[in-house]
Amino acid sequence: YAFRAYLFNTWRRVAHRYGFVEWEAPTVEATELYL
C-alpha cells in the first residue's frame, strides 16, 4: 500500500505542477456507456 501511495503522490505532485485538478467517477457505470 505504501508503494501504491508513492505512485499516487508522485502523479498528484506532477499533475498539480501542471495546473490540473482532480475528479472521480463511479466504479460502476451503465454498460451502454462503454459500448
Full PDB file with SEQRES, HELIX, SHEET, SSBOND, CRYST1, ORIGX, SCALE, CONECT and MASTER records, all heavy atoms in Angstrom:
SEQRES   1 A   35  TYR ALA PHE ARG ALA TYR LEU PHE ASN THR TRP ARG ARG          
SEQRES   2 A   35  VAL ALA HIS ARG TYR GLY PHE VAL GLU TRP GLU ALA PRO          
SEQRES   3 A   35  THR VAL GLU ALA THR GLU LEU TYR LEU                          
HELIX    1 AA1 ALA A    2  ARG A   17  1                                  16    
HELIX    2 AA2 THR A   31  TYR A   34  1                                   4    
CRYST1    1.000    1.000    1.000  90.00  90.00  90.00 P 1           1          
ORIGX1      1.000000  0.000000  0.000000        0.00000                         
ORIGX2      0.000000  1.000000  0.000000        0.00000                         
ORIGX3      0.000000  0.000000  1.000000        0.00000                         
SCALE1      1.000000  0.000000  0.000000        0.00000                         
SCALE2      0.000000  1.000000  0.000000        0.00000                         
SCALE3      0.000000  0.000000  1.000000        0.00000                         
ATOM      1  N   TYR A   1       0.833  -1.203   0.000  1.00  0.00           N  
ATOM      2  CA  TYR A   1       0.000   0.000   0.000  1.00  0.00           C  
ATOM      3  C   TYR A   1       0.869   1.256   0.000  1.00  0.00           C  
ATOM      4  O   TYR A   1       0.538   2.254  -0.652  1.00  0.00           O  
ATOM      5  CB  TYR A   1      -0.935  -0.001   1.208  1.00  0.00           C  
ATOM      6  CG  TYR A   1      -2.019   1.039   1.119  1.00  0.00           C  
ATOM      7  CD1 TYR A   1      -3.233   0.742   0.507  1.00  0.00           C  
ATOM      8  CD2 TYR A   1      -1.831   2.321   1.629  1.00  0.00           C  
ATOM      9  CE1 TYR A   1      -4.237   1.693   0.404  1.00  0.00           C  
ATOM     10  CE2 TYR A   1      -2.831   3.281   1.531  1.00  0.00           C  
ATOM     11  CZ  TYR A   1      -4.025   2.958   0.919  1.00  0.00           C  
ATOM     12  OH  TYR A   1      -5.014   3.909   0.808  1.00  0.00           O  
ATOM     13  N   ALA A   2       1.992   1.203   0.714  1.00  0.00           N  
ATOM     14  CA  ALA A   2       2.908   2.349   0.740  1.00  0.00           C  
ATOM     15  C   ALA A   2       3.458   2.620  -0.654  1.00  0.00           C  
ATOM     16  O   ALA A   2       3.611   3.784  -1.053  1.00  0.00           O  
ATOM     17  CB  ALA A   2       4.045   2.087   1.725  1.00  0.00           C  
ATOM     18  N   PHE A   3       3.763   1.547  -1.410  1.00  0.00           N  
ATOM     19  CA  PHE A   3       4.248   1.751  -2.776  1.00  0.00           C  
ATOM     20  C   PHE A   3       3.158   2.375  -3.639  1.00  0.00           C  
ATOM     21  O   PHE A   3       3.413   3.276  -4.438  1.00  0.00           O  
ATOM     22  CB  PHE A   3       4.715   0.429  -3.389  1.00  0.00           C  
ATOM     23  CG  PHE A   3       5.071   0.546  -4.845  1.00  0.00           C  
ATOM     24  CD1 PHE A   3       6.149   1.316  -5.252  1.00  0.00           C  
ATOM     25  CD2 PHE A   3       4.306  -0.082  -5.815  1.00  0.00           C  
ATOM     26  CE1 PHE A   3       6.471   1.449  -6.603  1.00  0.00           C  
ATOM     27  CE2 PHE A   3       4.620   0.038  -7.162  1.00  0.00           C  
ATOM     28  CZ  PHE A   3       5.700   0.806  -7.543  1.00  0.00           C  
ATOM     29  N   ARG A   4       1.935   1.899  -3.472  1.00  0.00           N  
ATOM     30  CA  ARG A   4       0.843   2.474  -4.243  1.00  0.00           C  
ATOM     31  C   ARG A   4       0.672   3.956  -3.901  1.00  0.00           C  
ATOM     32  O   ARG A   4       0.456   4.792  -4.782  1.00  0.00           O  
ATOM     33  CB  ARG A   4      -0.464   1.712  -3.982  1.00  0.00           C  
ATOM     34  CG  ARG A   4      -1.560   2.083  -4.967  1.00  0.00           C  
ATOM     35  CD  ARG A   4      -2.774   1.195  -4.834  1.00  0.00           C  
ATOM     36  NE  ARG A   4      -3.586   1.536  -3.672  1.00  0.00           N  
ATOM     37  CZ  ARG A   4      -4.872   1.205  -3.563  1.00  0.00           C  
ATOM     38  NH1 ARG A   4      -5.472   0.502  -4.523  1.00  0.00           N  
ATOM     39  NH2 ARG A   4      -5.561   1.532  -2.500  1.00  0.00           N  
ATOM     40  N   ALA A   5       0.792   4.282  -2.625  1.00  0.00           N  
ATOM     41  CA  ALA A   5       0.699   5.687  -2.217  1.00  0.00           C  
ATOM     42  C   ALA A   5       1.833   6.508  -2.831  1.00  0.00           C  
ATOM     43  O   ALA A   5       1.639   7.680  -3.200  1.00  0.00           O  
ATOM     44  CB  ALA A   5       0.723   5.795  -0.690  1.00  0.00           C  
ATOM     45  N   TYR A   6       3.005   5.898  -2.942  1.00  0.00           N  
ATOM     46  CA  TYR A   6       4.149   6.573  -3.592  1.00  0.00           C  
ATOM     47  C   TYR A   6       3.811   6.911  -5.040  1.00  0.00           C  
ATOM     48  O   TYR A   6       4.078   8.034  -5.508  1.00  0.00           O  
ATOM     49  CB  TYR A   6       5.375   5.671  -3.504  1.00  0.00           C  
ATOM     50  CG  TYR A   6       6.532   6.083  -4.371  1.00  0.00           C  
ATOM     51  CD1 TYR A   6       7.223   7.260  -4.133  1.00  0.00           C  
ATOM     52  CD2 TYR A   6       6.958   5.270  -5.437  1.00  0.00           C  
ATOM     53  CE1 TYR A   6       8.309   7.636  -4.931  1.00  0.00           C  
ATOM     54  CE2 TYR A   6       8.030   5.637  -6.226  1.00  0.00           C  
ATOM     55  CZ  TYR A   6       8.697   6.814  -5.968  1.00  0.00           C  
ATOM     56  OH  TYR A   6       9.762   7.184  -6.761  1.00  0.00           O  
ATOM     57  N   LEU A   7       3.216   5.960  -5.760  1.00  0.00           N  
ATOM     58  CA  LEU A   7       2.799   6.231  -7.138  1.00  0.00           C  
ATOM     59  C   LEU A   7       1.777   7.370  -7.158  1.00  0.00           C  
ATOM     60  O   LEU A   7       1.906   8.318  -7.948  1.00  0.00           O  
ATOM     61  CB  LEU A   7       2.182   4.981  -7.760  1.00  0.00           C  
ATOM     62  CG  LEU A   7       3.078   3.763  -7.981  1.00  0.00           C  
ATOM     63  CD1 LEU A   7       2.262   2.628  -8.607  1.00  0.00           C  
ATOM     64  CD2 LEU A   7       4.255   4.097  -8.880  1.00  0.00           C  
ATOM     65  N   PHE A   8       0.759   7.257  -6.313  1.00  0.00           N  
ATOM     66  CA  PHE A   8      -0.310   8.262  -6.293  1.00  0.00           C  
ATOM     67  C   PHE A   8       0.254   9.649  -5.991  1.00  0.00           C  
ATOM     68  O   PHE A   8      -0.107  10.647  -6.642  1.00  0.00           O  
ATOM     69  CB  PHE A   8      -1.364   7.914  -5.247  1.00  0.00           C  
ATOM     70  CG  PHE A   8      -2.223   6.722  -5.583  1.00  0.00           C  
ATOM     71  CD1 PHE A   8      -1.903   5.877  -6.632  1.00  0.00           C  
ATOM     72  CD2 PHE A   8      -3.358   6.449  -4.841  1.00  0.00           C  
ATOM     73  CE1 PHE A   8      -2.697   4.779  -6.938  1.00  0.00           C  
ATOM     74  CE2 PHE A   8      -4.161   5.351  -5.142  1.00  0.00           C  
ATOM     75  CZ  PHE A   8      -3.833   4.518  -6.185  1.00  0.00           C  
ATOM     76  N   ASN A   9       1.106   9.737  -4.974  1.00  0.00           N  
ATOM     77  CA  ASN A   9       1.662  11.028  -4.571  1.00  0.00           C  
ATOM     78  C   ASN A   9       2.505  11.645  -5.683  1.00  0.00           C  
ATOM     79  O   ASN A   9       2.484  12.864  -5.894  1.00  0.00           O  
ATOM     80  CB  ASN A   9       2.496  10.886  -3.302  1.00  0.00           C  
ATOM     81  CG  ASN A   9       1.654  10.549  -2.085  1.00  0.00           C  
ATOM     82  OD1 ASN A   9       0.462  10.801  -2.064  1.00  0.00           O  
ATOM     83  ND2 ASN A   9       2.276   9.955  -1.080  1.00  0.00           N  
ATOM     84  N   THR A  10       3.248  10.800  -6.386  1.00  0.00           N  
ATOM     85  CA  THR A  10       4.076  11.293  -7.492  1.00  0.00           C  
ATOM     86  C   THR A  10       3.192  11.821  -8.613  1.00  0.00           C  
ATOM     87  O   THR A  10       3.423  12.915  -9.148  1.00  0.00           O  
ATOM     88  CB  THR A  10       4.996  10.174  -8.009  1.00  0.00           C  
ATOM     89  OG1 THR A  10       5.812   9.694  -6.932  1.00  0.00           O  
ATOM     90  CG2 THR A  10       5.901  10.681  -9.120  1.00  0.00           C  
ATOM     91  N   TRP A  11       2.192  11.044  -9.002  1.00  0.00           N  
ATOM     92  CA  TRP A  11       1.284  11.505 -10.052  1.00  0.00           C  
ATOM     93  C   TRP A  11       0.597  12.818  -9.662  1.00  0.00           C  
ATOM     94  O   TRP A  11       0.518  13.752 -10.465  1.00  0.00           O  
ATOM     95  CB  TRP A  11       0.231  10.427 -10.327  1.00  0.00           C  
ATOM     96  CG  TRP A  11       0.738   9.257 -11.098  1.00  0.00           C  
ATOM     97  CD1 TRP A  11       1.720   9.254 -12.048  1.00  0.00           C  
ATOM     98  CD2 TRP A  11       0.290   7.891 -10.985  1.00  0.00           C  
ATOM     99  NE1 TRP A  11       1.905   7.978 -12.538  1.00  0.00           N  
ATOM    100  CE2 TRP A  11       1.049   7.133 -11.914  1.00  0.00           C  
ATOM    101  CE3 TRP A  11      -0.678   7.244 -10.211  1.00  0.00           C  
ATOM    102  CZ2 TRP A  11       0.859   5.751 -12.081  1.00  0.00           C  
ATOM    103  CZ3 TRP A  11      -0.872   5.882 -10.374  1.00  0.00           C  
ATOM    104  CH2 TRP A  11      -0.110   5.144 -11.299  1.00  0.00           C  
ATOM    105  N   ARG A  12       0.100  12.893  -8.438  1.00  0.00           N  
ATOM    106  CA  ARG A  12      -0.589  14.109  -7.994  1.00  0.00           C  
ATOM    107  C   ARG A  12       0.355  15.312  -7.996  1.00  0.00           C  
ATOM    108  O   ARG A  12      -0.023  16.415  -8.393  1.00  0.00           O  
ATOM    109  CB  ARG A  12      -1.162  13.916  -6.587  1.00  0.00           C  
ATOM    110  CG  ARG A  12      -2.420  13.078  -6.535  1.00  0.00           C  
ATOM    111  CD  ARG A  12      -3.139  13.219  -5.193  1.00  0.00           C  
ATOM    112  NE  ARG A  12      -4.396  12.486  -5.238  1.00  0.00           N  
ATOM    113  CZ  ARG A  12      -4.569  11.248  -4.784  1.00  0.00           C  
ATOM    114  NH1 ARG A  12      -3.542  10.613  -4.213  1.00  0.00           N  
ATOM    115  NH2 ARG A  12      -5.748  10.653  -4.870  1.00  0.00           N  
ATOM    116  N   ARG A  13       1.575  15.102  -7.521  1.00  0.00           N  
ATOM    117  CA  ARG A  13       2.538  16.203  -7.434  1.00  0.00           C  
ATOM    118  C   ARG A  13       2.794  16.811  -8.816  1.00  0.00           C  
ATOM    119  O   ARG A  13       2.779  18.037  -8.989  1.00  0.00           O  
ATOM    120  CB  ARG A  13       3.835  15.670  -6.808  1.00  0.00           C  
ATOM    121  CG  ARG A  13       4.856  16.729  -6.480  1.00  0.00           C  
ATOM    122  CD  ARG A  13       5.903  16.175  -5.539  1.00  0.00           C  
ATOM    123  NE  ARG A  13       6.634  15.052  -6.078  1.00  0.00           N  
ATOM    124  CZ  ARG A  13       6.569  13.805  -5.581  1.00  0.00           C  
ATOM    125  NH1 ARG A  13       5.798  13.540  -4.542  1.00  0.00           N  
ATOM    126  NH2 ARG A  13       7.280  12.833  -6.112  1.00  0.00           N  
ATOM    127  N   VAL A  14       3.008  15.954  -9.806  1.00  0.00           N  
ATOM    128  CA  VAL A  14       3.290  16.455 -11.157  1.00  0.00           C  
ATOM    129  C   VAL A  14       2.040  17.081 -11.770  1.00  0.00           C  
ATOM    130  O   VAL A  14       2.107  18.150 -12.390  1.00  0.00           O  
ATOM    131  CB  VAL A  14       3.836  15.328 -12.056  1.00  0.00           C  
ATOM    132  CG1 VAL A  14       4.117  15.849 -13.463  1.00  0.00           C  
ATOM    133  CG2 VAL A  14       5.119  14.747 -11.465  1.00  0.00           C  
ATOM    134  N   ALA A  15       0.893  16.438 -11.603  1.00  0.00           N  
ATOM    135  CA  ALA A  15      -0.353  16.983 -12.151  1.00  0.00           C  
ATOM    136  C   ALA A  15      -0.648  18.368 -11.582  1.00  0.00           C  
ATOM    137  O   ALA A  15      -1.052  19.283 -12.315  1.00  0.00           O  
ATOM    138  CB  ALA A  15      -1.511  16.034 -11.876  1.00  0.00           C  
ATOM    139  N   HIS A  16      -0.415  18.547 -10.286  1.00  0.00           N  
ATOM    140  CA  HIS A  16      -0.658  19.852  -9.675  1.00  0.00           C  
ATOM    141  C   HIS A  16       0.316  20.894 -10.215  1.00  0.00           C  
ATOM    142  O   HIS A  16      -0.067  22.067 -10.380  1.00  0.00           O  
ATOM    143  CB  HIS A  16      -0.536  19.746  -8.151  1.00  0.00           C  
ATOM    144  CG  HIS A  16      -1.682  19.021  -7.519  1.00  0.00           C  
ATOM    145  ND1 HIS A  16      -1.561  18.348  -6.309  1.00  0.00           N  
ATOM    146  CD2 HIS A  16      -2.967  18.832  -7.912  1.00  0.00           C  
ATOM    147  CE1 HIS A  16      -2.733  17.806  -5.998  1.00  0.00           C  
ATOM    148  NE2 HIS A  16      -3.587  18.072  -6.955  1.00  0.00           N  
ATOM    149  N   ARG A  17       1.552  20.494 -10.485  1.00  0.00           N  
ATOM    150  CA  ARG A  17       2.508  21.436 -11.072  1.00  0.00           C  
ATOM    151  C   ARG A  17       2.030  21.940 -12.427  1.00  0.00           C  
ATOM    152  O   ARG A  17       2.353  23.049 -12.832  1.00  0.00           O  
ATOM    153  CB  ARG A  17       3.884  20.778 -11.232  1.00  0.00           C  
ATOM    154  CG  ARG A  17       4.649  20.595  -9.944  1.00  0.00           C  
ATOM    155  CD  ARG A  17       6.152  20.614 -10.171  1.00  0.00           C  
ATOM    156  NE  ARG A  17       6.616  19.583 -11.068  1.00  0.00           N  
ATOM    157  CZ  ARG A  17       7.171  18.429 -10.675  1.00  0.00           C  
ATOM    158  NH1 ARG A  17       7.286  18.164  -9.387  1.00  0.00           N  
ATOM    159  NH2 ARG A  17       7.589  17.551 -11.554  1.00  0.00           N  
ATOM    160  N   TYR A  18       1.285  21.110 -13.134  1.00  0.00           N  
ATOM    161  CA  TYR A  18       0.778  21.477 -14.455  1.00  0.00           C  
ATOM    162  C   TYR A  18      -0.591  22.157 -14.389  1.00  0.00           C  
ATOM    163  O   TYR A  18      -1.188  22.445 -15.428  1.00  0.00           O  
ATOM    164  CB  TYR A  18       0.702  20.240 -15.347  1.00  0.00           C  
ATOM    165  CG  TYR A  18       1.999  19.921 -16.058  1.00  0.00           C  
ATOM    166  CD1 TYR A  18       3.111  19.464 -15.360  1.00  0.00           C  
ATOM    167  CD2 TYR A  18       2.116  20.082 -17.433  1.00  0.00           C  
ATOM    168  CE1 TYR A  18       4.292  19.169 -16.001  1.00  0.00           C  
ATOM    169  CE2 TYR A  18       3.295  19.787 -18.093  1.00  0.00           C  
ATOM    170  CZ  TYR A  18       4.387  19.338 -17.370  1.00  0.00           C  
ATOM    171  OH  TYR A  18       5.568  19.048 -18.032  1.00  0.00           O  
ATOM    172  N   GLY A  19      -1.106  22.399 -13.210  1.00  0.00           N  
ATOM    173  CA  GLY A  19      -2.372  23.095 -13.074  1.00  0.00           C  
ATOM    174  C   GLY A  19      -3.601  22.232 -13.282  1.00  0.00           C  
ATOM    175  O   GLY A  19      -4.682  22.756 -13.573  1.00  0.00           O  
ATOM    176  N   PHE A  20      -3.470  20.906 -13.110  1.00  0.00           N  
ATOM    177  CA  PHE A  20      -4.606  20.001 -13.248  1.00  0.00           C  
ATOM    178  C   PHE A  20      -5.326  19.857 -11.915  1.00  0.00           C  
ATOM    179  O   PHE A  20      -4.707  19.947 -10.846  1.00  0.00           O  
ATOM    180  CB  PHE A  20      -4.140  18.615 -13.730  1.00  0.00           C  
ATOM    181  CG  PHE A  20      -3.848  18.547 -15.202  1.00  0.00           C  
ATOM    182  CD1 PHE A  20      -2.802  19.267 -15.761  1.00  0.00           C  
ATOM    183  CD2 PHE A  20      -4.616  17.752 -16.045  1.00  0.00           C  
ATOM    184  CE1 PHE A  20      -2.525  19.204 -17.119  1.00  0.00           C  
ATOM    185  CE2 PHE A  20      -4.360  17.676 -17.408  1.00  0.00           C  
ATOM    186  CZ  PHE A  20      -3.308  18.412 -17.949  1.00  0.00           C  
ATOM    187  N   VAL A  21      -6.637  19.619 -11.973  1.00  0.00           N  
ATOM    188  CA  VAL A  21      -7.436  19.397 -10.773  1.00  0.00           C  
ATOM    189  C   VAL A  21      -8.016  17.985 -10.815  1.00  0.00           C  
ATOM    190  O   VAL A  21      -8.216  17.411 -11.881  1.00  0.00           O  
ATOM    191  CB  VAL A  21      -8.567  20.441 -10.630  1.00  0.00           C  
ATOM    192  CG1 VAL A  21      -7.989  21.831 -10.412  1.00  0.00           C  
ATOM    193  CG2 VAL A  21      -9.491  20.431 -11.852  1.00  0.00           C  
ATOM    194  N   GLU A  22      -8.296  17.438  -9.632  1.00  0.00           N  
ATOM    195  CA  GLU A  22      -8.681  16.026  -9.520  1.00  0.00           C  
ATOM    196  C   GLU A  22     -10.197  15.855  -9.564  1.00  0.00           C  
ATOM    197  O   GLU A  22     -10.948  16.689  -9.064  1.00  0.00           O  
ATOM    198  CB  GLU A  22      -8.119  15.438  -8.230  1.00  0.00           C  
ATOM    199  CG  GLU A  22      -8.140  13.923  -8.167  1.00  0.00           C  
ATOM    200  CD  GLU A  22      -7.232  13.355  -7.101  1.00  0.00           C  
ATOM    201  OE1 GLU A  22      -6.612  14.155  -6.350  1.00  0.00           O  
ATOM    202  OE2 GLU A  22      -7.110  12.119  -7.005  1.00  0.00           O  
ATOM    203  N   TRP A  23     -10.621  14.739 -10.155  1.00  0.00           N  
ATOM    204  CA  TRP A  23     -12.040  14.395 -10.224  1.00  0.00           C  
ATOM    205  C   TRP A  23     -12.177  12.896  -9.983  1.00  0.00           C  
ATOM    206  O   TRP A  23     -11.186  12.176  -9.923  1.00  0.00           O  
ATOM    207  CB  TRP A  23     -12.625  14.766 -11.602  1.00  0.00           C  
ATOM    208  CG  TRP A  23     -12.045  13.951 -12.727  1.00  0.00           C  
ATOM    209  CD1 TRP A  23     -10.835  14.125 -13.332  1.00  0.00           C  
ATOM    210  CD2 TRP A  23     -12.642  12.813 -13.357  1.00  0.00           C  
ATOM    211  NE1 TRP A  23     -10.630  13.160 -14.303  1.00  0.00           N  
ATOM    212  CE2 TRP A  23     -11.720  12.356 -14.343  1.00  0.00           C  
ATOM    213  CE3 TRP A  23     -13.849  12.137 -13.197  1.00  0.00           C  
ATOM    214  CZ2 TRP A  23     -11.987  11.246 -15.147  1.00  0.00           C  
ATOM    215  CZ3 TRP A  23     -14.106  11.040 -14.007  1.00  0.00           C  
ATOM    216  CH2 TRP A  23     -13.181  10.616 -14.970  1.00  0.00           C  
ATOM    217  N   GLU A  24     -13.399  12.419  -9.861  1.00  0.00           N  
ATOM    218  CA  GLU A  24     -13.634  10.988  -9.699  1.00  0.00           C  
ATOM    219  C   GLU A  24     -14.991  10.634 -10.283  1.00  0.00           C  
ATOM    220  O   GLU A  24     -15.864  11.493 -10.448  1.00  0.00           O  
ATOM    221  CB  GLU A  24     -13.545  10.599  -8.221  1.00  0.00           C  
ATOM    222  CG  GLU A  24     -13.694   9.115  -7.926  1.00  0.00           C  
ATOM    223  CD  GLU A  24     -12.725   8.219  -8.677  1.00  0.00           C  
ATOM    224  OE1 GLU A  24     -12.938   8.025  -9.894  1.00  0.00           O  
ATOM    225  OE2 GLU A  24     -11.761   7.718  -8.063  1.00  0.00           O  
ATOM    226  N   ALA A  25     -15.167   9.353 -10.618  1.00  0.00           N  
ATOM    227  CA  ALA A  25     -16.404   8.835 -11.202  1.00  0.00           C  
ATOM    228  C   ALA A  25     -16.813   7.574 -10.454  1.00  0.00           C  
ATOM    229  O   ALA A  25     -16.002   6.980  -9.734  1.00  0.00           O  
ATOM    230  CB  ALA A  25     -16.194   8.514 -12.683  1.00  0.00           C  
ATOM    231  N   PRO A  26     -18.052   7.118 -10.625  1.00  0.00           N  
ATOM    232  CA  PRO A  26     -18.463   5.855 -10.005  1.00  0.00           C  
ATOM    233  C   PRO A  26     -17.643   4.679 -10.538  1.00  0.00           C  
ATOM    234  O   PRO A  26     -17.203   4.689 -11.695  1.00  0.00           O  
ATOM    235  CB  PRO A  26     -19.935   5.719 -10.418  1.00  0.00           C  
ATOM    236  CG  PRO A  26     -20.370   7.090 -10.789  1.00  0.00           C  
ATOM    237  CD  PRO A  26     -19.158   7.762 -11.343  1.00  0.00           C  
ATOM    238  N   THR A  27     -17.459   3.667  -9.699  1.00  0.00           N  
ATOM    239  CA  THR A  27     -16.765   2.455 -10.135  1.00  0.00           C  
ATOM    240  C   THR A  27     -17.623   1.636 -11.092  1.00  0.00           C  
ATOM    241  O   THR A  27     -17.100   0.893 -11.919  1.00  0.00           O  
ATOM    242  CB  THR A  27     -16.391   1.597  -8.910  1.00  0.00           C  
ATOM    243  OG1 THR A  27     -15.662   2.395  -7.994  1.00  0.00           O  
ATOM    244  CG2 THR A  27     -15.534   0.400  -9.313  1.00  0.00           C  
ATOM    245  N   VAL A  28     -18.940   1.782 -10.992  1.00  0.00           N  
ATOM    246  CA  VAL A  28     -19.883   1.038 -11.833  1.00  0.00           C  
ATOM    247  C   VAL A  28     -20.649   2.024 -12.704  1.00  0.00           C  
ATOM    248  O   VAL A  28     -21.115   3.057 -12.229  1.00  0.00           O  
ATOM    249  CB  VAL A  28     -20.868   0.220 -10.973  1.00  0.00           C  
ATOM    250  CG1 VAL A  28     -21.890  -0.492 -11.848  1.00  0.00           C  
ATOM    251  CG2 VAL A  28     -20.114  -0.796 -10.119  1.00  0.00           C  
ATOM    252  N   GLU A  29     -20.753   1.703 -13.994  1.00  0.00           N  
ATOM    253  CA  GLU A  29     -21.498   2.542 -14.935  1.00  0.00           C  
ATOM    254  C   GLU A  29     -22.447   1.667 -15.744  1.00  0.00           C  
ATOM    255  O   GLU A  29     -22.298   0.433 -15.792  1.00  0.00           O  
ATOM    256  CB  GLU A  29     -20.544   3.269 -15.893  1.00  0.00           C  
ATOM    257  CG  GLU A  29     -19.612   4.282 -15.239  1.00  0.00           C  
ATOM    258  CD  GLU A  29     -20.195   5.681 -15.222  1.00  0.00           C  
ATOM    259  OE1 GLU A  29     -21.425   5.830 -15.358  1.00  0.00           O  
ATOM    260  OE2 GLU A  29     -19.400   6.646 -15.074  1.00  0.00           O  
ATOM    261  N   ALA A  30     -23.387   2.302 -16.423  1.00  0.00           N  
ATOM    262  CA  ALA A  30     -24.239   1.589 -17.363  1.00  0.00           C  
ATOM    263  C   ALA A  30     -23.377   1.042 -18.500  1.00  0.00           C  
ATOM    264  O   ALA A  30     -22.530   1.751 -19.043  1.00  0.00           O  
ATOM    265  CB  ALA A  30     -25.311   2.523 -17.918  1.00  0.00           C  
ATOM    266  N   THR A  31     -23.583  -0.225 -18.848  1.00  0.00           N  
ATOM    267  CA  THR A  31     -22.762  -0.860 -19.882  1.00  0.00           C  
ATOM    268  C   THR A  31     -22.828  -0.099 -21.203  1.00  0.00           C  
ATOM    269  O   THR A  31     -21.835  -0.015 -21.941  1.00  0.00           O  
ATOM    270  CB  THR A  31     -23.226  -2.317 -20.094  1.00  0.00           C  
ATOM    271  OG1 THR A  31     -23.067  -3.021 -18.863  1.00  0.00           O  
ATOM    272  CG2 THR A  31     -22.408  -3.004 -21.172  1.00  0.00           C  
ATOM    273  N   GLU A  32     -23.965   0.494 -21.497  1.00  0.00           N  
ATOM    274  CA  GLU A  32     -24.138   1.223 -22.754  1.00  0.00           C  
ATOM    275  C   GLU A  32     -23.091   2.318 -22.932  1.00  0.00           C  
ATOM    276  O   GLU A  32     -22.685   2.645 -24.048  1.00  0.00           O  
ATOM    277  CB  GLU A  32     -25.542   1.833 -22.806  1.00  0.00           C  
ATOM    278  CG  GLU A  32     -25.851   2.540 -24.120  1.00  0.00           C  
ATOM    279  CD  GLU A  32     -27.208   3.222 -24.094  1.00  0.00           C  
ATOM    280  OE1 GLU A  32     -27.869   3.179 -23.043  1.00  0.00           O  
ATOM    281  OE2 GLU A  32     -27.590   3.794 -25.133  1.00  0.00           O  
ATOM    282  N   LEU A  33     -22.637   2.886 -21.816  1.00  0.00           N  
ATOM    283  CA  LEU A  33     -21.631   3.951 -21.886  1.00  0.00           C  
ATOM    284  C   LEU A  33     -20.368   3.465 -22.581  1.00  0.00           C  
ATOM    285  O   LEU A  33     -19.742   4.205 -23.346  1.00  0.00           O  
ATOM    286  CB  LEU A  33     -21.298   4.436 -20.471  1.00  0.00           C  
ATOM    287  CG  LEU A  33     -20.281   5.566 -20.353  1.00  0.00           C  
ATOM    288  CD1 LEU A  33     -20.871   6.865 -20.899  1.00  0.00           C  
ATOM    289  CD2 LEU A  33     -19.853   5.750 -18.907  1.00  0.00           C  
ATOM    290  N   TYR A  34     -19.993   2.200 -22.337  1.00  0.00           N  
ATOM    291  CA  TYR A  34     -18.758   1.667 -22.921  1.00  0.00           C  
ATOM    292  C   TYR A  34     -18.981   1.086 -24.311  1.00  0.00           C  
ATOM    293  O   TYR A  34     -18.032   0.958 -25.087  1.00  0.00           O  
ATOM    294  CB  TYR A  34     -18.158   0.606 -21.988  1.00  0.00           C  
ATOM    295  CG  TYR A  34     -17.912   1.147 -20.612  1.00  0.00           C  
ATOM    296  CD1 TYR A  34     -18.645   0.692 -19.521  1.00  0.00           C  
ATOM    297  CD2 TYR A  34     -16.975   2.144 -20.390  1.00  0.00           C  
ATOM    298  CE1 TYR A  34     -18.433   1.208 -18.250  1.00  0.00           C  
ATOM    299  CE2 TYR A  34     -16.760   2.666 -19.130  1.00  0.00           C  
ATOM    300  CZ  TYR A  34     -17.499   2.198 -18.060  1.00  0.00           C  
ATOM    301  OH  TYR A  34     -17.288   2.725 -16.811  1.00  0.00           O  
ATOM    302  N   LEU A  35     -20.195   0.717 -24.615  1.00  0.00           N  
ATOM    303  CA  LEU A  35     -20.472   0.140 -25.929  1.00  0.00           C  
ATOM    304  C   LEU A  35     -20.735   1.208 -26.972  1.00  0.00           C  
ATOM    305  O   LEU A  35     -20.666   0.931 -28.168  1.00  0.00           O  
ATOM    306  CB  LEU A  35     -21.692  -0.791 -25.846  1.00  0.00           C  
ATOM    307  CG  LEU A  35     -21.575  -1.978 -24.891  1.00  0.00           C  
ATOM    308  CD1 LEU A  35     -22.840  -2.820 -24.952  1.00  0.00           C  
ATOM    309  CD2 LEU A  35     -20.352  -2.825 -25.220  1.00  0.00           C  
TER     310      LEU A  35                                                      
MASTER        0    0    0    2    0    0    0    6  309    1    0    3          
END                                                                             
